[in-house]
Amino acid sequence: KVMVPNDNIKVVPVSYNKEKMISTIVRNNKKNNTYNILSV
């Protein structure tokens, strides 16, 4: 769609920070110790 040459593009998947992810999940769930993640 943008006409960027294919050879000029390198795919680097987004990584995740384990400590940051745990702190975010815990911070957003203050009711109990069960953590439910929904992905659609």
ModelCIF file with pLDDT and N, C-alpha, C, O atoms, coordinates in Angstrom:
data_MODEL
#
_entry.id   MODEL 
#
_entity.id                         1 
_entity.type                       polymer 
_entity.pdbx_number_of_molecules   1 
#
_entity_poly.entity_id                      1 
_entity_poly.type                           'polypeptide(L)' 
_entity_poly.nstd_linkage                   no 
_entity_poly.nstd_monomer                   no 
_entity_poly.pdbx_seq_one_letter_code       KVMVPNDNIKVVPVSYNKEKMISTIVRNNKKNNTYNILSV 
_entity_poly.pdbx_seq_one_letter_code_can   KVMVPNDNIKVVPVSYNKEKMISTIVRNNKKNNTYNILSV 
_entity_poly.pdbx_strand_id                 A 
#
loop_
_entity_poly_seq.entity_id 
_entity_poly_seq.num 
_entity_poly_seq.mon_id 
_entity_poly_seq.hetero 
1 1  LYS n 
1 2  VAL n 
1 3  MET n 
1 4  VAL n 
1 5  PRO n 
1 6  ASN n 
1 7  ASP n 
1 8  ASN n 
1 9  ILE n 
1 10 LYS n 
1 11 VAL n 
1 12 VAL n 
1 13 PRO n 
1 14 VAL n 
1 15 SER n 
1 16 TYR n 
1 17 ASN n 
1 18 LYS n 
1 19 GLU n 
1 20 LYS n 
1 21 MET n 
1 22 ILE n 
1 23 SER n 
1 24 THR n 
1 25 ILE n 
1 26 VAL n 
1 27 ARG n 
1 28 ASN n 
1 29 ASN n 
1 30 LYS n 
1 31 LYS n 
1 32 ASN n 
1 33 ASN n 
1 34 THR n 
1 35 TYR n 
1 36 ASN n 
1 37 ILE n 
1 38 LEU n 
1 39 SER n 
1 40 VAL n 
#
_struct_asym.id          A 
_struct_asym.entity_id   1 
#
loop_
_ma_qa_metric.id 
_ma_qa_metric.mode 
_ma_qa_metric.name 
_ma_qa_metric.software_group_id 
_ma_qa_metric.type 
1 global pLDDT . pLDDT 
2 local  pLDDT . pLDDT 
#
_ma_qa_metric_global.metric_id      1 
_ma_qa_metric_global.metric_value   82.58 
_ma_qa_metric_global.model_id       1 
_ma_qa_metric_global.ordinal_id     1 
#
loop_
_ma_qa_metric_local.label_asym_id 
_ma_qa_metric_local.label_comp_id 
_ma_qa_metric_local.label_seq_id 
_ma_qa_metric_local.metric_id 
_ma_qa_metric_local.metric_value 
_ma_qa_metric_local.model_id 
_ma_qa_metric_local.ordinal_id 
A LYS 1  2 95.00 1 1  
A VAL 2  2 96.00 1 2  
A MET 3  2 95.00 1 3  
A VAL 4  2 96.00 1 4  
A PRO 5  2 95.00 1 5  
A ASN 6  2 94.00 1 6  
A ASP 7  2 95.00 1 7  
A ASN 8  2 95.00 1 8  
A ILE 9  2 96.00 1 9  
A LYS 10 2 95.00 1 10 
A VAL 11 2 93.00 1 11 
A VAL 12 2 90.00 1 12 
A PRO 13 2 83.00 1 13 
A VAL 14 2 77.00 1 14 
A SER 15 2 76.00 1 15 
A TYR 16 2 74.00 1 16 
A ASN 17 2 76.00 1 17 
A LYS 18 2 77.00 1 18 
A GLU 19 2 79.00 1 19 
A LYS 20 2 77.00 1 20 
A MET 21 2 76.00 1 21 
A ILE 22 2 78.00 1 22 
A SER 23 2 78.00 1 23 
A THR 24 2 75.00 1 24 
A ILE 25 2 75.00 1 25 
A VAL 26 2 74.00 1 26 
A ARG 27 2 74.00 1 27 
A ASN 28 2 70.00 1 28 
A ASN 29 2 70.00 1 29 
A LYS 30 2 63.00 1 30 
A LYS 31 2 66.00 1 31 
A ASN 32 2 68.00 1 32 
A ASN 33 2 71.00 1 33 
A THR 34 2 80.00 1 34 
A TYR 35 2 84.00 1 35 
A ASN 36 2 85.00 1 36 
A ILE 37 2 87.00 1 37 
A LEU 38 2 90.00 1 38 
A SER 39 2 92.00 1 39 
A VAL 40 2 93.00 1 40 
#
loop_
_atom_site.group_PDB 
_atom_site.id 
_atom_site.type_symbol 
_atom_site.label_atom_id 
_atom_site.label_alt_id 
_atom_site.label_comp_id 
_atom_site.label_asym_id 
_atom_site.label_entity_id 
_atom_site.label_seq_id 
_atom_site.pdbx_PDB_ins_code 
_atom_site.Cartn_x 
_atom_site.Cartn_y 
_atom_site.Cartn_z 
_atom_site.occupancy 
_atom_site.B_iso_or_equiv 
_atom_site.pdbx_formal_charge 
_atom_site.auth_seq_id 
_atom_site.auth_comp_id 
_atom_site.auth_asym_id 
_atom_site.auth_atom_id 
_atom_site.pdbx_PDB_model_num 
ATOM 1   N N  . LYS A 1 1  ? 0.797   -1.226  0.000  1.00 95.00 ? 1  LYS A N  1 
ATOM 2   C CA . LYS A 1 1  ? 0.000   0.000   0.000  1.00 95.00 ? 1  LYS A CA 1 
ATOM 3   C C  . LYS A 1 1  ? 0.833   1.281   0.000  1.00 95.00 ? 1  LYS A C  1 
ATOM 4   O O  . LYS A 1 1  ? 0.415   2.304   -0.543 1.00 95.00 ? 1  LYS A O  1 
ATOM 5   N N  . VAL A 1 2  ? 2.015   1.213   0.615  1.00 96.00 ? 2  VAL A N  1 
ATOM 6   C CA . VAL A 1 2  ? 2.844   2.422   0.734  1.00 96.00 ? 2  VAL A CA 1 
ATOM 7   C C  . VAL A 1 2  ? 4.023   2.375   -0.235 1.00 96.00 ? 2  VAL A C  1 
ATOM 8   O O  . VAL A 1 2  ? 4.750   3.357   -0.383 1.00 96.00 ? 2  VAL A O  1 
ATOM 9   N N  . MET A 1 3  ? 4.204   1.251   -0.882 1.00 95.00 ? 3  MET A N  1 
ATOM 10  C CA . MET A 1 3  ? 5.246   1.063   -1.894 1.00 95.00 ? 3  MET A CA 1 
ATOM 11  C C  . MET A 1 3  ? 6.666   1.161   -1.336 1.00 95.00 ? 3  MET A C  1 
ATOM 12  O O  . MET A 1 3  ? 7.571   1.679   -1.990 1.00 95.00 ? 3  MET A O  1 
ATOM 13  N N  . VAL A 1 4  ? 6.839   0.658   -0.124 1.00 96.00 ? 4  VAL A N  1 
ATOM 14  C CA . VAL A 1 4  ? 8.177   0.539   0.448  1.00 96.00 ? 4  VAL A CA 1 
ATOM 15  C C  . VAL A 1 4  ? 8.781   -0.764  -0.072 1.00 96.00 ? 4  VAL A C  1 
ATOM 16  O O  . VAL A 1 4  ? 8.120   -1.800  0.002  1.00 96.00 ? 4  VAL A O  1 
ATOM 17  N N  . PRO A 1 5  ? 10.010  -0.753  -0.595 1.00 95.00 ? 5  PRO A N  1 
ATOM 18  C CA . PRO A 1 5  ? 10.625  -1.998  -1.093 1.00 95.00 ? 5  PRO A CA 1 
ATOM 19  C C  . PRO A 1 5  ? 10.666  -3.085  -0.013 1.00 95.00 ? 5  PRO A C  1 
ATOM 20  O O  . PRO A 1 5  ? 11.052  -2.831  1.128  1.00 95.00 ? 5  PRO A O  1 
ATOM 21  N N  . ASN A 1 6  ? 10.270  -4.270  -0.389 1.00 94.00 ? 6  ASN A N  1 
ATOM 22  C CA . ASN A 1 6  ? 10.180  -5.379  0.564  1.00 94.00 ? 6  ASN A CA 1 
ATOM 23  C C  . ASN A 1 6  ? 11.513  -5.647  1.276  1.00 94.00 ? 6  ASN A C  1 
ATOM 24  O O  . ASN A 1 6  ? 11.535  -5.953  2.468  1.00 94.00 ? 6  ASN A O  1 
ATOM 25  N N  . ASP A 1 7  ? 12.617  -5.530  0.537  1.00 95.00 ? 7  ASP A N  1 
ATOM 26  C CA . ASP A 1 7  ? 13.939  -5.813  1.098  1.00 95.00 ? 7  ASP A CA 1 
ATOM 27  C C  . ASP A 1 7  ? 14.379  -4.770  2.123  1.00 95.00 ? 7  ASP A C  1 
ATOM 28  O O  . ASP A 1 7  ? 15.340  -4.997  2.859  1.00 95.00 ? 7  ASP A O  1 
ATOM 29  N N  . ASN A 1 8  ? 13.695  -3.640  2.178  1.00 95.00 ? 8  ASN A N  1 
ATOM 30  C CA . ASN A 1 8  ? 14.060  -2.568  3.114  1.00 95.00 ? 8  ASN A CA 1 
ATOM 31  C C  . ASN A 1 8  ? 13.374  -2.716  4.466  1.00 95.00 ? 8  ASN A C  1 
ATOM 32  O O  . ASN A 1 8  ? 13.589  -1.899  5.361  1.00 95.00 ? 8  ASN A O  1 
ATOM 33  N N  . ILE A 1 9  ? 12.549  -3.754  4.624  1.00 96.00 ? 9  ILE A N  1 
ATOM 34  C CA . ILE A 1 9  ? 11.755  -3.900  5.851  1.00 96.00 ? 9  ILE A CA 1 
ATOM 35  C C  . ILE A 1 9  ? 12.207  -5.124  6.632  1.00 96.00 ? 9  ILE A C  1 
ATOM 36  O O  . ILE A 1 9  ? 12.271  -6.229  6.093  1.00 96.00 ? 9  ILE A O  1 
ATOM 37  N N  . LYS A 1 10 ? 12.517  -4.917  7.902  1.00 95.00 ? 10 LYS A N  1 
ATOM 38  C CA . LYS A 1 10 ? 12.878  -6.009  8.806  1.00 95.00 ? 10 LYS A CA 1 
ATOM 39  C C  . LYS A 1 10 ? 11.790  -6.153  9.852  1.00 95.00 ? 10 LYS A C  1 
ATOM 40  O O  . LYS A 1 10 ? 11.432  -5.179  10.514 1.00 95.00 ? 10 LYS A O  1 
ATOM 41  N N  . VAL A 1 11 ? 11.254  -7.368  10.010 1.00 93.00 ? 11 VAL A N  1 
ATOM 42  C CA . VAL A 1 11 ? 10.212  -7.622  11.006 1.00 93.00 ? 11 VAL A CA 1 
ATOM 43  C C  . VAL A 1 11 ? 10.866  -7.943  12.346 1.00 93.00 ? 11 VAL A C  1 
ATOM 44  O O  . VAL A 1 11 ? 11.631  -8.901  12.463 1.00 93.00 ? 11 VAL A O  1 
ATOM 45  N N  . VAL A 1 12 ? 10.556  -7.130  13.353 1.00 90.00 ? 12 VAL A N  1 
ATOM 46  C CA . VAL A 1 12 ? 11.050  -7.344  14.721 1.00 90.00 ? 12 VAL A CA 1 
ATOM 47  C C  . VAL A 1 12 ? 9.831   -7.345  15.649 1.00 90.00 ? 12 VAL A C  1 
ATOM 48  O O  . VAL A 1 12 ? 9.336   -6.272  15.996 1.00 90.00 ? 12 VAL A O  1 
ATOM 49  N N  . PRO A 1 13 ? 9.340   -8.502  16.055 1.00 83.00 ? 13 PRO A N  1 
ATOM 50  C CA . PRO A 1 13 ? 8.138   -8.570  16.908 1.00 83.00 ? 13 PRO A CA 1 
ATOM 51  C C  . PRO A 1 13 ? 8.327   -7.809  18.217 1.00 83.00 ? 13 PRO A C  1 
ATOM 52  O O  . PRO A 1 13 ? 9.433   -7.738  18.754 1.00 83.00 ? 13 PRO A O  1 
ATOM 53  N N  . VAL A 1 14 ? 7.244   -7.249  18.715 1.00 77.00 ? 14 VAL A N  1 
ATOM 54  C CA . VAL A 1 14 ? 7.272   -6.520  19.980 1.00 77.00 ? 14 VAL A CA 1 
ATOM 55  C C  . VAL A 1 14 ? 7.504   -7.498  21.124 1.00 77.00 ? 14 VAL A C  1 
ATOM 56  O O  . VAL A 1 14 ? 6.814   -8.512  21.221 1.00 77.00 ? 14 VAL A O  1 
ATOM 57  N N  . SER A 1 15 ? 8.460   -7.205  21.982 1.00 76.00 ? 15 SER A N  1 
ATOM 58  C CA . SER A 1 15 ? 8.750   -8.068  23.122 1.00 76.00 ? 15 SER A CA 1 
ATOM 59  C C  . SER A 1 15 ? 7.878   -7.672  24.303 1.00 76.00 ? 15 SER A C  1 
ATOM 60  O O  . SER A 1 15 ? 7.122   -6.704  24.228 1.00 76.00 ? 15 SER A O  1 
ATOM 61  N N  . TYR A 1 16 ? 7.986   -8.422  25.392 1.00 74.00 ? 16 TYR A N  1 
ATOM 62  C CA . TYR A 1 16 ? 7.229   -8.058  26.580 1.00 74.00 ? 16 TYR A CA 1 
ATOM 63  C C  . TYR A 1 16 ? 8.150   -8.031  27.789 1.00 74.00 ? 16 TYR A C  1 
ATOM 64  O O  . TYR A 1 16 ? 9.113   -8.793  27.878 1.00 74.00 ? 16 TYR A O  1 
ATOM 65  N N  . ASN A 1 17 ? 7.835   -7.143  28.711 1.00 76.00 ? 17 ASN A N  1 
ATOM 66  C CA . ASN A 1 17 ? 8.593   -7.007  29.947 1.00 76.00 ? 17 ASN A CA 1 
ATOM 67  C C  . ASN A 1 17 ? 7.828   -7.726  31.047 1.00 76.00 ? 17 ASN A C  1 
ATOM 68  O O  . ASN A 1 17 ? 6.751   -7.289  31.454 1.00 76.00 ? 17 ASN A O  1 
ATOM 69  N N  . LYS A 1 18 ? 8.390   -8.831  31.523 1.00 77.00 ? 18 LYS A N  1 
ATOM 70  C CA . LYS A 1 18 ? 7.687   -9.680  32.486 1.00 77.00 ? 18 LYS A CA 1 
ATOM 71  C C  . LYS A 1 18 ? 7.310   -8.922  33.752 1.00 77.00 ? 18 LYS A C  1 
ATOM 72  O O  . LYS A 1 18 ? 6.162   -8.987  34.191 1.00 77.00 ? 18 LYS A O  1 
ATOM 73  N N  . GLU A 1 19 ? 8.261   -8.206  34.342 1.00 79.00 ? 19 GLU A N  1 
ATOM 74  C CA . GLU A 1 19 ? 8.002   -7.483  35.590 1.00 79.00 ? 19 GLU A CA 1 
ATOM 75  C C  . GLU A 1 19 ? 6.941   -6.401  35.393 1.00 79.00 ? 19 GLU A C  1 
ATOM 76  O O  . GLU A 1 19 ? 6.061   -6.223  36.235 1.00 79.00 ? 19 GLU A O  1 
ATOM 77  N N  . LYS A 1 20 ? 7.030   -5.688  34.285 1.00 77.00 ? 20 LYS A N  1 
ATOM 78  C CA . LYS A 1 20 ? 6.072   -4.620  34.005 1.00 77.00 ? 20 LYS A CA 1 
ATOM 79  C C  . LYS A 1 20 ? 4.676   -5.180  33.772 1.00 77.00 ? 20 LYS A C  1 
ATOM 80  O O  . LYS A 1 20 ? 3.686   -4.584  34.196 1.00 77.00 ? 20 LYS A O  1 
ATOM 81  N N  . MET A 1 21 ? 4.595   -6.327  33.098 1.00 76.00 ? 21 MET A N  1 
ATOM 82  C CA . MET A 1 21 ? 3.305   -6.942  32.819 1.00 76.00 ? 21 MET A CA 1 
ATOM 83  C C  . MET A 1 21 ? 2.643   -7.415  34.109 1.00 76.00 ? 21 MET A C  1 
ATOM 84  O O  . MET A 1 21 ? 1.442   -7.222  34.298 1.00 76.00 ? 21 MET A O  1 
ATOM 85  N N  . ILE A 1 22 ? 3.425   -8.037  35.000 1.00 78.00 ? 22 ILE A N  1 
ATOM 86  C CA . ILE A 1 22 ? 2.878   -8.513  36.274 1.00 78.00 ? 22 ILE A CA 1 
ATOM 87  C C  . ILE A 1 22 ? 2.371   -7.346  37.110 1.00 78.00 ? 22 ILE A C  1 
ATOM 88  O O  . ILE A 1 22 ? 1.281   -7.417  37.678 1.00 78.00 ? 22 ILE A O  1 
ATOM 89  N N  . SER A 1 23 ? 3.156   -6.267  37.190 1.00 78.00 ? 23 SER A N  1 
ATOM 90  C CA . SER A 1 23 ? 2.743   -5.114  37.997 1.00 78.00 ? 23 SER A CA 1 
ATOM 91  C C  . SER A 1 23 ? 1.488   -4.469  37.432 1.00 78.00 ? 23 SER A C  1 
ATOM 92  O O  . SER A 1 23 ? 0.640   -3.998  38.191 1.00 78.00 ? 23 SER A O  1 
ATOM 93  N N  . THR A 1 24 ? 1.354   -4.439  36.095 1.00 75.00 ? 24 THR A N  1 
ATOM 94  C CA . THR A 1 24 ? 0.156   -3.859  35.465 1.00 75.00 ? 24 THR A CA 1 
ATOM 95  C C  . THR A 1 24 ? -1.075  -4.704  35.766 1.00 75.00 ? 24 THR A C  1 
ATOM 96  O O  . THR A 1 24 ? -2.133  -4.164  36.089 1.00 75.00 ? 24 THR A O  1 
ATOM 97  N N  . ILE A 1 25 ? -0.947  -6.031  35.661 1.00 75.00 ? 25 ILE A N  1 
ATOM 98  C CA . ILE A 1 25 ? -2.070  -6.929  35.928 1.00 75.00 ? 25 ILE A CA 1 
ATOM 99  C C  . ILE A 1 25 ? -2.518  -6.811  37.377 1.00 75.00 ? 25 ILE A C  1 
ATOM 100 O O  . ILE A 1 25 ? -3.713  -6.730  37.661 1.00 75.00 ? 25 ILE A O  1 
ATOM 101 N N  . VAL A 1 26 ? -1.560  -6.802  38.284 1.00 74.00 ? 26 VAL A N  1 
ATOM 102 C CA . VAL A 1 26 ? -1.880  -6.704  39.713 1.00 74.00 ? 26 VAL A CA 1 
ATOM 103 C C  . VAL A 1 26 ? -2.518  -5.366  40.037 1.00 74.00 ? 26 VAL A C  1 
ATOM 104 O O  . VAL A 1 26 ? -3.484  -5.307  40.797 1.00 74.00 ? 26 VAL A O  1 
ATOM 105 N N  . ARG A 1 27 ? -1.991  -4.296  39.473 1.00 74.00 ? 27 ARG A N  1 
ATOM 106 C CA . ARG A 1 27 ? -2.505  -2.950  39.747 1.00 74.00 ? 27 ARG A CA 1 
ATOM 107 C C  . ARG A 1 27 ? -3.945  -2.791  39.274 1.00 74.00 ? 27 ARG A C  1 
ATOM 108 O O  . ARG A 1 27 ? -4.731  -2.085  39.905 1.00 74.00 ? 27 ARG A O  1 
ATOM 109 N N  . ASN A 1 28 ? -4.295  -3.444  38.168 1.00 70.00 ? 28 ASN A N  1 
ATOM 110 C CA . ASN A 1 28 ? -5.634  -3.298  37.601 1.00 70.00 ? 28 ASN A CA 1 
ATOM 111 C C  . ASN A 1 28 ? -6.651  -4.272  38.182 1.00 70.00 ? 28 ASN A C  1 
ATOM 112 O O  . ASN A 1 28 ? -7.820  -4.253  37.797 1.00 70.00 ? 28 ASN A O  1 
ATOM 113 N N  . ASN A 1 29 ? -6.215  -5.118  39.099 1.00 70.00 ? 29 ASN A N  1 
ATOM 114 C CA . ASN A 1 29 ? -7.142  -6.064  39.716 1.00 70.00 ? 29 ASN A CA 1 
ATOM 115 C C  . ASN A 1 29 ? -6.940  -6.042  41.231 1.00 70.00 ? 29 ASN A C  1 
ATOM 116 O O  . ASN A 1 29 ? -6.087  -6.754  41.761 1.00 70.00 ? 29 ASN A O  1 
ATOM 117 N N  . LYS A 1 30 ? -7.723  -5.227  41.913 1.00 63.00 ? 30 LYS A N  1 
ATOM 118 C CA . LYS A 1 30 ? -7.570  -5.057  43.357 1.00 63.00 ? 30 LYS A CA 1 
ATOM 119 C C  . LYS A 1 30 ? -8.613  -5.839  44.164 1.00 63.00 ? 30 LYS A C  1 
ATOM 120 O O  . LYS A 1 30 ? -8.612  -5.784  45.394 1.00 63.00 ? 30 LYS A O  1 
ATOM 121 N N  . LYS A 1 31 ? -9.510  -6.575  43.470 1.00 66.00 ? 31 LYS A N  1 
ATOM 122 C CA . LYS A 1 31 ? -10.598 -7.256  44.161 1.00 66.00 ? 31 LYS A CA 1 
ATOM 123 C C  . LYS A 1 31 ? -10.170 -8.591  44.758 1.00 66.00 ? 31 LYS A C  1 
ATOM 124 O O  . LYS A 1 31 ? -10.532 -8.912  45.890 1.00 66.00 ? 31 LYS A O  1 
ATOM 125 N N  . ASN A 1 32 ? -9.395  -9.377  43.991 1.00 68.00 ? 32 ASN A N  1 
ATOM 126 C CA . ASN A 1 32 ? -8.975  -10.699 44.483 1.00 68.00 ? 32 ASN A CA 1 
ATOM 127 C C  . ASN A 1 32 ? -7.677  -11.089 43.801 1.00 68.00 ? 32 ASN A C  1 
ATOM 128 O O  . ASN A 1 32 ? -7.077  -10.298 43.074 1.00 68.00 ? 32 ASN A O  1 
ATOM 129 N N  . ASN A 1 33 ? -7.252  -12.322 44.047 1.00 71.00 ? 33 ASN A N  1 
ATOM 130 C CA . ASN A 1 33 ? -5.979  -12.787 43.495 1.00 71.00 ? 33 ASN A CA 1 
ATOM 131 C C  . ASN A 1 33 ? -6.134  -13.601 42.216 1.00 71.00 ? 33 ASN A C  1 
ATOM 132 O O  . ASN A 1 33 ? -5.173  -14.206 41.743 1.00 71.00 ? 33 ASN A O  1 
ATOM 133 N N  . THR A 1 34 ? -7.347  -13.616 41.654 1.00 80.00 ? 34 THR A N  1 
ATOM 134 C CA . THR A 1 34 ? -7.584  -14.292 40.387 1.00 80.00 ? 34 THR A CA 1 
ATOM 135 C C  . THR A 1 34 ? -7.463  -13.281 39.252 1.00 80.00 ? 34 THR A C  1 
ATOM 136 O O  . THR A 1 34 ? -8.072  -12.212 39.305 1.00 80.00 ? 34 THR A O  1 
ATOM 137 N N  . TYR A 1 35 ? -6.679  -13.612 38.227 1.00 84.00 ? 35 TYR A N  1 
ATOM 138 C CA . TYR A 1 35 ? -6.418  -12.673 37.148 1.00 84.00 ? 35 TYR A CA 1 
ATOM 139 C C  . TYR A 1 35 ? -6.883  -13.272 35.828 1.00 84.00 ? 35 TYR A C  1 
ATOM 140 O O  . TYR A 1 35 ? -6.316  -14.257 35.354 1.00 84.00 ? 35 TYR A O  1 
ATOM 141 N N  . ASN A 1 36 ? -7.916  -12.677 35.235 1.00 85.00 ? 36 ASN A N  1 
ATOM 142 C CA . ASN A 1 36 ? -8.479  -13.172 33.985 1.00 85.00 ? 36 ASN A CA 1 
ATOM 143 C C  . ASN A 1 36 ? -8.098  -12.245 32.834 1.00 85.00 ? 36 ASN A C  1 
ATOM 144 O O  . ASN A 1 36 ? -8.300  -11.033 32.902 1.00 85.00 ? 36 ASN A O  1 
ATOM 145 N N  . ILE A 1 37 ? -7.544  -12.837 31.778 1.00 87.00 ? 37 ILE A N  1 
ATOM 146 C CA . ILE A 1 37 ? -7.173  -12.090 30.583 1.00 87.00 ? 37 ILE A CA 1 
ATOM 147 C C  . ILE A 1 37 ? -8.046  -12.560 29.430 1.00 87.00 ? 37 ILE A C  1 
ATOM 148 O O  . ILE A 1 37 ? -8.143  -13.760 29.172 1.00 87.00 ? 37 ILE A O  1 
ATOM 149 N N  . LEU A 1 38 ? -8.678  -11.627 28.740 1.00 90.00 ? 38 LEU A N  1 
ATOM 150 C CA . LEU A 1 38 ? -9.540  -11.937 27.594 1.00 90.00 ? 38 LEU A CA 1 
ATOM 151 C C  . LEU A 1 38 ? -8.897  -11.387 26.324 1.00 90.00 ? 38 LEU A C  1 
ATOM 152 O O  . LEU A 1 38 ? -8.540  -10.211 26.258 1.00 90.00 ? 38 LEU A O  1 
ATOM 153 N N  . SER A 1 39 ? -8.753  -12.245 25.320 1.00 92.00 ? 39 SER A N  1 
ATOM 154 C CA . SER A 1 39 ? -8.204  -11.824 24.030 1.00 92.00 ? 39 SER A CA 1 
ATOM 155 C C  . SER A 1 39 ? -9.147  -12.279 22.926 1.00 92.00 ? 39 SER A C  1 
ATOM 156 O O  . SER A 1 39 ? -9.478  -13.461 22.827 1.00 92.00 ? 39 SER A O  1 
ATOM 157 N N  . VAL A 1 40 ? -9.576  -11.335 22.098 1.00 93.00 ? 40 VAL A N  1 
ATOM 158 C CA . VAL A 1 40 ? -10.568 -11.622 21.060 1.00 93.00 ? 40 VAL A CA 1 
ATOM 159 C C  . VAL A 1 40 ? -9.991  -11.277 19.692 1.00 93.00 ? 40 VAL A C  1 
ATOM 160 O O  . VAL A 1 40 ? -10.667 -11.444 18.677 1.00 93.00 ? 40 VAL A O  1 
#
